[in-house]
Amino acid sequence: MLCLQDVSKNFKNGKKESVRAVDRLNLTVHPEEFVCIVGRSGCGKTTTLRMIAGLETVSSGSIRLNGRTIRKPGPDRCVVFQKYTLFPWRTVLS
């Protein structure tokens, strides 16, 4: 089971101010459940997925997968990026 409890994420914008990308998100995904995250551009969808994958840290709250807190990437999760991630000078074969 995936459980997000009061998850928030803040980014610094280069000044002393910070931008809150995700604000107190609560979500529980049970085994064999299929969930989609939809919303307007800039509402925190990708940031949330990156935190679940362990690619971003949470500013507050917690994310747990099967009872274990997610703090970094792990073999039990994966990410399919929106854009290709190969080096532009390489192909799949070389």
PDB file of N, CA and C in Angstrom:
ATOM      1  N   MET A   1       0.839  -1.170   0.000  1.00  0.00           N
ATOM      2  CA  MET A   1       0.000   0.000   0.000  1.00  0.00           C
ATOM      3  C   MET A   1       0.894   1.247   0.000  1.00  0.00           C
ATOM      4  N   LEU A   2       0.507   2.224  -0.796  1.00  0.00           N
ATOM      5  CA  LEU A   2       1.202   3.507  -0.855  1.00  0.00           C
ATOM      6  C   LEU A   2       0.391   4.519  -0.066  1.00  0.00           C
ATOM      7  N   CYS A   3       1.046   5.214   0.841  1.00  0.00           N
ATOM      8  CA  CYS A   3       0.338   6.162   1.693  1.00  0.00           C
ATOM      9  C   CYS A   3       1.108   7.483   1.773  1.00  0.00           C
ATOM     10  N   LEU A   4       0.477   8.550   1.335  1.00  0.00           N
ATOM     11  CA  LEU A   4       1.031   9.900   1.457  1.00  0.00           C
ATOM     12  C   LEU A   4       0.243  10.600   2.547  1.00  0.00           C
ATOM     13  N   GLN A   5       0.929  11.089   3.577  1.00  0.00           N
ATOM     14  CA  GLN A   5       0.263  11.741   4.694  1.00  0.00           C
ATOM     15  C   GLN A   5       0.778  13.162   4.855  1.00  0.00           C
ATOM     16  N   ASP A   6      -0.119  14.119   4.635  1.00  0.00           N
ATOM     17  CA  ASP A   6       0.191  15.543   4.808  1.00  0.00           C
ATOM     18  C   ASP A   6       1.490  15.951   4.105  1.00  0.00           C
ATOM     19  N   VAL A   7       1.672  15.468   2.876  1.00  0.00           N
ATOM     20  CA  VAL A   7       2.901  15.717   2.133  1.00  0.00           C
ATOM     21  C   VAL A   7       2.889  17.125   1.544  1.00  0.00           C
ATOM     22  N   SER A   8       3.955  17.861   1.802  1.00  0.00           N
ATOM     23  CA  SER A   8       4.160  19.188   1.220  1.00  0.00           C
ATOM     24  C   SER A   8       5.557  19.242   0.643  1.00  0.00           C
ATOM     25  N   LYS A   9       5.714  20.057  -0.401  1.00  0.00           N
ATOM     26  CA  LYS A   9       7.026  20.254  -1.016  1.00  0.00           C
ATOM     27  C   LYS A   9       7.204  21.725  -1.330  1.00  0.00           C
ATOM     28  N   ASN A  10       8.286  22.301  -0.823  1.00  0.00           N
ATOM     29  CA  ASN A  10       8.627  23.696  -1.075  1.00  0.00           C
ATOM     30  C   ASN A  10       9.913  23.755  -1.891  1.00  0.00           C
ATOM     31  N   PHE A  11       9.976  24.694  -2.816  1.00  0.00           N
ATOM     32  CA  PHE A  11      11.182  24.959  -3.587  1.00  0.00           C
ATOM     33  C   PHE A  11      11.598  26.394  -3.334  1.00  0.00           C
ATOM     34  N   LYS A  12      12.887  26.625  -3.220  1.00  0.00           N
ATOM     35  CA  LYS A  12      13.389  28.001  -3.116  1.00  0.00           C
ATOM     36  C   LYS A  12      13.444  28.577  -4.521  1.00  0.00           C
ATOM     37  N   ASN A  13      13.058  29.835  -4.655  1.00  0.00           N
ATOM     38  CA  ASN A  13      13.017  30.453  -5.983  1.00  0.00           C
ATOM     39  C   ASN A  13      14.223  31.352  -6.241  1.00  0.00           C
ATOM     40  N   GLY A  14      15.305  31.139  -5.522  1.00  0.00           N
ATOM     41  CA  GLY A  14      16.505  31.945  -5.727  1.00  0.00           C
ATOM     42  C   GLY A  14      16.607  33.111  -4.765  1.00  0.00           C
ATOM     43  N   LYS A  15      15.514  33.479  -4.156  1.00  0.00           N
ATOM     44  CA  LYS A  15      15.506  34.548  -3.157  1.00  0.00           C
ATOM     45  C   LYS A  15      15.267  33.898  -1.798  1.00  0.00           C
ATOM     46  N   LYS A  16      14.890  34.682  -0.834  1.00  0.00           N
ATOM     47  CA  LYS A  16      14.584  34.119   0.487  1.00  0.00           C
ATOM     48  C   LYS A  16      13.199  33.467   0.498  1.00  0.00           C
ATOM     49  N   GLU A  17      12.407  33.733  -0.522  1.00  0.00           N
ATOM     50  CA  GLU A  17      11.056  33.190  -0.590  1.00  0.00           C
ATOM     51  C   GLU A  17      11.103  31.750  -1.075  1.00  0.00           C
ATOM     52  N   SER A  18      10.035  31.017  -0.797  1.00  0.00           N
ATOM     53  CA  SER A  18       9.918  29.662  -1.336  1.00  0.00           C
ATOM     54  C   SER A  18       8.550  29.499  -1.981  1.00  0.00           C
ATOM     55  N   VAL A  19       8.467  28.557  -2.897  1.00  0.00           N
ATOM     56  CA  VAL A  19       7.234  28.265  -3.614  1.00  0.00           C
ATOM     57  C   VAL A  19       6.746  26.902  -3.142  1.00  0.00           C
ATOM     58  N   ARG A  20       5.498  26.827  -2.749  1.00  0.00           N
ATOM     59  CA  ARG A  20       4.930  25.545  -2.324  1.00  0.00           C
ATOM     60  C   ARG A  20       4.322  24.863  -3.544  1.00  0.00           C
ATOM     61  N   ALA A  21       4.933  23.749  -3.961  1.00  0.00           N
ATOM     62  CA  ALA A  21       4.476  23.010  -5.136  1.00  0.00           C
ATOM     63  C   ALA A  21       3.372  22.016  -4.780  1.00  0.00           C
ATOM     64  N   VAL A  22       3.458  21.444  -3.582  1.00  0.00           N
ATOM     65  CA  VAL A  22       2.451  20.487  -3.097  1.00  0.00           C
ATOM     66  C   VAL A  22       2.120  20.902  -1.676  1.00  0.00           C
ATOM     67  N   ASP A  23       0.822  20.915  -1.342  1.00  0.00           N
ATOM     68  CA  ASP A  23       0.389  21.426  -0.042  1.00  0.00           C
ATOM     69  C   ASP A  23      -0.487  20.420   0.687  1.00  0.00           C
ATOM     70  N   ARG A  24       0.074  19.766   1.705  1.00  0.00           N
ATOM     71  CA  ARG A  24      -0.662  18.842   2.595  1.00  0.00           C
ATOM     72  C   ARG A  24      -1.481  17.799   1.834  1.00  0.00           C
ATOM     73  N   LEU A  25      -0.842  17.084   0.939  1.00  0.00           N
ATOM     74  CA  LEU A  25      -1.503  16.063   0.135  1.00  0.00           C
ATOM     75  C   LEU A  25      -1.657  14.776   0.937  1.00  0.00           C
ATOM     76  N   ASN A  26      -2.860  14.224   0.932  1.00  0.00           N
ATOM     77  CA  ASN A  26      -3.140  12.930   1.547  1.00  0.00           C
ATOM     78  C   ASN A  26      -3.687  12.010   0.470  1.00  0.00           C
ATOM     79  N   LEU A  27      -3.094  10.826   0.358  1.00  0.00           N
ATOM     80  CA  LEU A  27      -3.502   9.864  -0.666  1.00  0.00           C
ATOM     81  C   LEU A  27      -3.136   8.473  -0.202  1.00  0.00           C
ATOM     82  N   THR A  28      -4.060   7.531  -0.369  1.00  0.00           N
ATOM     83  CA  THR A  28      -3.789   6.128  -0.086  1.00  0.00           C
ATOM     84  C   THR A  28      -4.134   5.326  -1.328  1.00  0.00           C
ATOM     85  N   VAL A  29      -3.189   4.514  -1.773  1.00  0.00           N
ATOM     86  CA  VAL A  29      -3.399   3.647  -2.924  1.00  0.00           C
ATOM     87  C   VAL A  29      -3.248   2.212  -2.432  1.00  0.00           C
ATOM     88  N   HIS A  30      -4.320   1.450  -2.539  1.00  0.00           N
ATOM     89  CA  HIS A  30      -4.336   0.068  -2.077  1.00  0.00           C
ATOM     90  C   HIS A  30      -3.784  -0.864  -3.145  1.00  0.00           C
ATOM     91  N   PRO A  31      -3.322  -2.058  -2.751  1.00  0.00           N
ATOM     92  CA  PRO A  31      -2.806  -3.016  -3.732  1.00  0.00           C
ATOM     93  C   PRO A  31      -3.829  -3.277  -4.844  1.00  0.00           C
ATOM     94  N   GLU A  32      -3.335  -3.372  -6.064  1.00  0.00           N
ATOM     95  CA  GLU A  32      -4.121  -3.648  -7.267  1.00  0.00           C
ATOM     96  C   GLU A  32      -5.070  -2.524  -7.659  1.00  0.00           C
ATOM     97  N   GLU A  33      -4.947  -1.365  -7.024  1.00  0.00           N
ATOM     98  CA  GLU A  33      -5.725  -0.199  -7.403  1.00  0.00           C
ATOM     99  C   GLU A  33      -5.007   0.532  -8.533  1.00  0.00           C
ATOM    100  N   PHE A  34      -5.756   1.113  -9.442  1.00  0.00           N
ATOM    101  CA  PHE A  34      -5.212   1.904 -10.546  1.00  0.00           C
ATOM    102  C   PHE A  34      -5.605   3.344 -10.303  1.00  0.00           C
ATOM    103  N   VAL A  35      -4.613   4.227 -10.208  1.00  0.00           N
ATOM    104  CA  VAL A  35      -4.862   5.621  -9.859  1.00  0.00           C
ATOM    105  C   VAL A  35      -4.235   6.534 -10.907  1.00  0.00           C
ATOM    106  N   CYS A  36      -4.948   7.578 -11.288  1.00  0.00           N
ATOM    107  CA  CYS A  36      -4.427   8.611 -12.193  1.00  0.00           C
ATOM    108  C   CYS A  36      -4.388   9.931 -11.442  1.00  0.00           C
ATOM    109  N   ILE A  37      -3.335  10.693 -11.693  1.00  0.00           N
ATOM    110  CA  ILE A  37      -3.229  12.021 -11.108  1.00  0.00           C
ATOM    111  C   ILE A  37      -3.402  13.014 -12.246  1.00  0.00           C
ATOM    112  N   VAL A  38      -4.452  13.811 -12.170  1.00  0.00           N
ATOM    113  CA  VAL A  38      -4.725  14.791 -13.218  1.00  0.00           C
ATOM    114  C   VAL A  38      -4.838  16.177 -12.598  1.00  0.00           C
ATOM    115  N   GLY A  39      -4.552  17.184 -13.403  1.00  0.00           N
ATOM    116  CA  GLY A  39      -4.661  18.554 -12.932  1.00  0.00           C
ATOM    117  C   GLY A  39      -4.014  19.492 -13.921  1.00  0.00           C
ATOM    118  N   ARG A  40      -4.199  20.760 -13.690  1.00  0.00           N
ATOM    119  CA  ARG A  40      -3.662  21.772 -14.597  1.00  0.00           C
ATOM    120  C   ARG A  40      -2.141  21.818 -14.488  1.00  0.00           C
ATOM    121  N   SER A  41      -1.531  22.440 -15.464  1.00  0.00           N
ATOM    122  CA  SER A  41      -0.088  22.590 -15.490  1.00  0.00           C
ATOM    123  C   SER A  41       0.382  23.355 -14.254  1.00  0.00           C
ATOM    124  N   GLY A  42       1.414  22.848 -13.613  1.00  0.00           N
ATOM    125  CA  GLY A  42       1.991  23.532 -12.463  1.00  0.00           C
ATOM    126  C   GLY A  42       1.345  23.232 -11.132  1.00  0.00           C
ATOM    127  N   CYS A  43       0.444  22.243 -11.074  1.00  0.00           N
ATOM    128  CA  CYS A  43      -0.263  21.992  -9.811  1.00  0.00           C
ATOM    129  C   CYS A  43       0.458  20.987  -8.897  1.00  0.00           C
ATOM    130  N   GLY A  44       1.591  20.416  -9.357  1.00  0.00           N
ATOM    131  CA  GLY A  44       2.363  19.530  -8.485  1.00  0.00           C
ATOM    132  C   GLY A  44       2.290  18.055  -8.828  1.00  0.00           C
ATOM    133  N   LYS A  45       1.734  17.695  -9.974  1.00  0.00           N
ATOM    134  CA  LYS A  45       1.621  16.280 -10.352  1.00  0.00           C
ATOM    135  C   LYS A  45       2.991  15.624 -10.477  1.00  0.00           C
ATOM    136  N   THR A  46       3.865  16.214 -11.271  1.00  0.00           N
ATOM    137  CA  THR A  46       5.187  15.632 -11.487  1.00  0.00           C
ATOM    138  C   THR A  46       6.006  15.652 -10.206  1.00  0.00           C
ATOM    139  N   THR A  47       5.910  16.707  -9.439  1.00  0.00           N
ATOM    140  CA  THR A  47       6.623  16.777  -8.160  1.00  0.00           C
ATOM    141  C   THR A  47       6.175  15.653  -7.244  1.00  0.00           C
ATOM    142  N   THR A  48       4.879  15.388  -7.186  1.00  0.00           N
ATOM    143  CA  THR A  48       4.356  14.298  -6.367  1.00  0.00           C
ATOM    144  C   THR A  48       4.912  12.960  -6.825  1.00  0.00           C
ATOM    145  N   LEU A  49       4.897  12.707  -8.133  1.00  0.00           N
ATOM    146  CA  LEU A  49       5.428  11.449  -8.658  1.00  0.00           C
ATOM    147  C   LEU A  49       6.926  11.321  -8.386  1.00  0.00           C
ATOM    148  N   ARG A  50       7.654  12.416  -8.491  1.00  0.00           N
ATOM    149  CA  ARG A  50       9.093  12.383  -8.207  1.00  0.00           C
ATOM    150  C   ARG A  50       9.354  12.097  -6.718  1.00  0.00           C
ATOM    151  N   MET A  51       8.498  12.592  -5.828  1.00  0.00           N
ATOM    152  CA  MET A  51       8.654  12.283  -4.405  1.00  0.00           C
ATOM    153  C   MET A  51       8.343  10.811  -4.140  1.00  0.00           C
ATOM    154  N   ILE A  52       7.305  10.277  -4.783  1.00  0.00           N
ATOM    155  CA  ILE A  52       6.975   8.858  -4.623  1.00  0.00           C
ATOM    156  C   ILE A  52       8.124   7.985  -5.124  1.00  0.00           C
ATOM    157  N   ALA A  53       8.757   8.395  -6.211  1.00  0.00           N
ATOM    158  CA  ALA A  53       9.885   7.636  -6.763  1.00  0.00           C
ATOM    159  C   ALA A  53      11.145   7.783  -5.918  1.00  0.00           C
ATOM    160  N   GLY A  54      11.181   8.788  -5.043  1.00  0.00           N
ATOM    161  CA  GLY A  54      12.356   9.029  -4.223  1.00  0.00           C
ATOM    162  C   GLY A  54      13.364   9.953  -4.877  1.00  0.00           C
ATOM    163  N   LEU A  55      12.969  10.599  -5.976  1.00  0.00           N
ATOM    164  CA  LEU A  55      13.865  11.518  -6.675  1.00  0.00           C
ATOM    165  C   LEU A  55      13.833  12.919  -6.066  1.00  0.00           C
ATOM    166  N   GLU A  56      12.821  13.222  -5.290  1.00  0.00           N
ATOM    167  CA  GLU A  56      12.696  14.489  -4.548  1.00  0.00           C
ATOM    168  C   GLU A  56      12.397  14.130  -3.094  1.00  0.00           C
ATOM    169  N   THR A  57      12.867  14.949  -2.173  1.00  0.00           N
ATOM    170  CA  THR A  57      12.530  14.739  -0.766  1.00  0.00           C
ATOM    171  C   THR A  57      11.289  15.563  -0.425  1.00  0.00           C
ATOM    172  N   VAL A  58      10.550  15.116   0.553  1.00  0.00           N
ATOM    173  CA  VAL A  58       9.380  15.879   1.000  1.00  0.00           C
ATOM    174  C   VAL A  58       9.854  16.982   1.940  1.00  0.00           C
ATOM    175  N   SER A  59       9.166  18.113   1.917  1.00  0.00           N
ATOM    176  CA  SER A  59       9.473  19.189   2.859  1.00  0.00           C
ATOM    177  C   SER A  59       8.831  18.907   4.208  1.00  0.00           C
ATOM    178  N   SER A  60       7.635  18.312   4.173  1.00  0.00           N
ATOM    179  CA  SER A  60       6.967  17.886   5.402  1.00  0.00           C
ATOM    180  C   SER A  60       6.002  16.762   5.059  1.00  0.00           C
ATOM    181  N   GLY A  61       5.612  16.018   6.076  1.00  0.00           N
ATOM    182  CA  GLY A  61       4.746  14.864   5.877  1.00  0.00           C
ATOM    183  C   GLY A  61       5.571  13.619   5.610  1.00  0.00           C
ATOM    184  N   SER A  62       4.898  12.561   5.154  1.00  0.00           N
ATOM    185  CA  SER A  62       5.618  11.311   4.900  1.00  0.00           C
ATOM    186  C   SER A  62       4.981  10.550   3.741  1.00  0.00           C
ATOM    187  N   ILE A  63       5.829   9.780   3.078  1.00  0.00           N
ATOM    188  CA  ILE A  63       5.384   8.869   2.027  1.00  0.00           C
ATOM    189  C   ILE A  63       5.878   7.488   2.417  1.00  0.00           C
ATOM    190  N   ARG A  64       4.943   6.538   2.506  1.00  0.00           N
ATOM    191  CA  ARG A  64       5.287   5.171   2.903  1.00  0.00           C
ATOM    192  C   ARG A  64       4.787   4.193   1.858  1.00  0.00           C
ATOM    193  N   LEU A  65       5.620   3.228   1.540  1.00  0.00           N
ATOM    194  CA  LEU A  65       5.258   2.147   0.628  1.00  0.00           C
ATOM    195  C   LEU A  65       5.404   0.847   1.386  1.00  0.00           C
ATOM    196  N   ASN A  66       4.294   0.141   1.555  1.00  0.00           N
ATOM    197  CA  ASN A  66       4.272  -1.110   2.321  1.00  0.00           C
ATOM    198  C   ASN A  66       4.906  -0.940   3.700  1.00  0.00           C
ATOM    199  N   GLY A  67       4.609   0.193   4.330  1.00  0.00           N
ATOM    200  CA  GLY A  67       5.060   0.444   5.693  1.00  0.00           C
ATOM    201  C   GLY A  67       6.439   1.072   5.810  1.00  0.00           C
ATOM    202  N   ARG A  68       7.188   1.170   4.705  1.00  0.00           N
ATOM    203  CA  ARG A  68       8.537   1.737   4.749  1.00  0.00           C
ATOM    204  C   ARG A  68       8.534   3.152   4.187  1.00  0.00           C
ATOM    205  N   THR A  69       9.180   4.065   4.892  1.00  0.00           N
ATOM    206  CA  THR A  69       9.258   5.452   4.451  1.00  0.00           C
ATOM    207  C   THR A  69      10.164   5.564   3.230  1.00  0.00           C
ATOM    208  N   ILE A  70       9.693   6.305   2.217  1.00  0.00           N
ATOM    209  CA  ILE A  70      10.477   6.530   1.003  1.00  0.00           C
ATOM    210  C   ILE A  70      11.360   7.744   1.231  1.00  0.00           C
ATOM    211  N   ARG A  71      12.671   7.533   1.104  1.00  0.00           N
ATOM    212  CA  ARG A  71      13.635   8.628   1.271  1.00  0.00           C
ATOM    213  C   ARG A  71      14.552   8.773   0.065  1.00  0.00           C
ATOM    214  N   LYS A  72      14.627   7.727  -0.756  1.00  0.00           N
ATOM    215  CA  LYS A  72      15.502   7.739  -1.932  1.00  0.00           C
ATOM    216  C   LYS A  72      14.956   6.745  -2.951  1.00  0.00           C
ATOM    217  N   PRO A  73      15.479   6.754  -4.176  1.00  0.00           N
ATOM    218  CA  PRO A  73      15.012   5.795  -5.184  1.00  0.00           C
ATOM    219  C   PRO A  73      15.268   4.363  -4.718  1.00  0.00           C
ATOM    220  N   GLY A  74      14.458   3.439  -5.206  1.00  0.00           N
ATOM    221  CA  GLY A  74      14.630   2.042  -4.842  1.00  0.00           C
ATOM    222  C   GLY A  74      14.145   1.114  -5.939  1.00  0.00           C
ATOM    223  N   PRO A  75      14.515  -0.151  -5.878  1.00  0.00           N
ATOM    224  CA  PRO A  75      14.141  -1.120  -6.912  1.00  0.00           C
ATOM    225  C   PRO A  75      12.654  -1.484  -6.911  1.00  0.00           C
ATOM    226  N   ASP A  76      11.919  -1.051  -5.906  1.00  0.00           N
ATOM    227  CA  ASP A  76      10.494  -1.351  -5.823  1.00  0.00           C
ATOM    228  C   ASP A  76       9.631  -0.288  -6.516  1.00  0.00           C
ATOM    229  N   ARG A  77      10.280   0.726  -7.126  1.00  0.00           N
ATOM    230  CA  ARG A  77       9.572   1.799  -7.833  1.00  0.00           C
ATOM    231  C   ARG A  77      10.321   2.140  -9.102  1.00  0.00           C
ATOM    232  N   CYS A  78       9.596   2.664 -10.088  1.00  0.00           N
ATOM    233  CA  CYS A  78      10.267   3.098 -11.310  1.00  0.00           C
ATOM    234  C   CYS A  78       9.560   4.334 -11.858  1.00  0.00           C
ATOM    235  N   VAL A  79      10.241   5.000 -12.775  1.00  0.00           N
ATOM    236  CA  VAL A  79       9.712   6.219 -13.386  1.00  0.00           C
ATOM    237  C   VAL A  79       9.840   6.083 -14.893  1.00  0.00           C
ATOM    238  N   VAL A  80       8.784   6.435 -15.594  1.00  0.00           N
ATOM    239  CA  VAL A  80       8.844   6.553 -17.044  1.00  0.00           C
ATOM    240  C   VAL A  80       8.771   8.052 -17.327  1.00  0.00           C
ATOM    241  N   PHE A  81       9.869   8.610 -17.812  1.00  0.00           N
ATOM    242  CA  PHE A  81       9.949  10.049 -18.024  1.00  0.00           C
ATOM    243  C   PHE A  81       9.128  10.471 -19.236  1.00  0.00           C
ATOM    244  N   GLN A  82       8.653  11.704 -19.225  1.00  0.00           N
ATOM    245  CA  GLN A  82       7.848  12.235 -20.316  1.00  0.00           C
ATOM    246  C   GLN A  82       8.675  12.447 -21.574  1.00  0.00           C
ATOM    247  N   LYS A  83       9.939  12.769 -21.410  1.00  0.00           N
ATOM    248  CA  LYS A  83      10.832  13.004 -22.542  1.00  0.00           C
ATOM    249  C   LYS A  83      11.895  11.923 -22.549  1.00  0.00           C
ATOM    250  N   TYR A  84      12.446  11.644 -23.710  1.00  0.00           N
ATOM    251  CA  TYR A  84      13.491  10.631 -23.787  1.00  0.00           C
ATOM    252  C   TYR A  84      14.668  11.051 -22.921  1.00  0.00           C
ATOM    253  N   THR A  85      15.370  10.077 -22.392  1.00  0.00           N
ATOM    254  CA  THR A  85      16.475  10.387 -21.488  1.00  0.00           C
ATOM    255  C   THR A  85      17.803   9.857 -22.002  1.00  0.00           C
ATOM    256  N   LEU A  86      17.842   9.442 -23.254  1.00  0.00           N
ATOM    257  CA  LEU A  86      19.106   9.013 -23.836  1.00  0.00           C
ATOM    258  C   LEU A  86      19.968  10.223 -24.155  1.00  0.00           C
ATOM    259  N   PHE A  87      21.253   9.994 -24.237  1.00  0.00           N
ATOM    260  CA  PHE A  87      22.135  11.056 -24.703  1.00  0.00           C
ATOM    261  C   PHE A  87      21.833  11.298 -26.173  1.00  0.00           C
ATOM    262  N   PRO A  88      21.792  12.545 -26.625  1.00  0.00           N
ATOM    263  CA  PRO A  88      21.399  12.827 -28.008  1.00  0.00           C
ATOM    264  C   PRO A  88      22.332  12.207 -29.041  1.00  0.00           C
ATOM    265  N   TRP A  89      23.570  11.919 -28.683  1.00  0.00           N
ATOM    266  CA  TRP A  89      24.507  11.335 -29.620  1.00  0.00           C
ATOM    267  C   TRP A  89      24.501   9.806 -29.595  1.00  0.00           C
ATOM    268  N   ARG A  90      23.648   9.190 -28.728  1.00  0.00           N
ATOM    269  CA  ARG A  90      23.581   7.732 -28.595  1.00  0.00           C
ATOM    270  C   ARG A  90      22.219   7.237 -29.079  1.00  0.00           C
ATOM    271  N   THR A  91      22.164   5.967 -29.417  1.00  0.00           N
ATOM    272  CA  THR A  91      20.901   5.304 -29.747  1.00  0.00           C
ATOM    273  C   THR A  91      20.718   4.149 -28.771  1.00  0.00           C
ATOM    274  N   VAL A  92      19.591   3.477 -28.856  1.00  0.00           N
ATOM    275  CA  VAL A  92      19.348   2.328 -27.983  1.00  0.00           C
ATOM    276  C   VAL A  92      20.368   1.225 -28.262  1.00  0.00           C
ATOM    277  N   LEU A  93      20.782   1.126 -29.516  1.00  0.00           N
ATOM    278  CA  LEU A  93      21.719   0.061 -29.915  1.00  0.00           C
ATOM    279  C   LEU A  93      23.182   0.392 -29.650  1.00  0.00           C
ATOM    280  N   SER A  94      23.530   1.672 -29.553  1.00  0.00           N
ATOM    281  CA  SER A  94      24.954   1.985 -29.390  1.00  0.00           C
ATOM    282  C   SER A  94      25.237   2.793 -28.150  1.00  0.00           C
TER     283      SER A  94
END
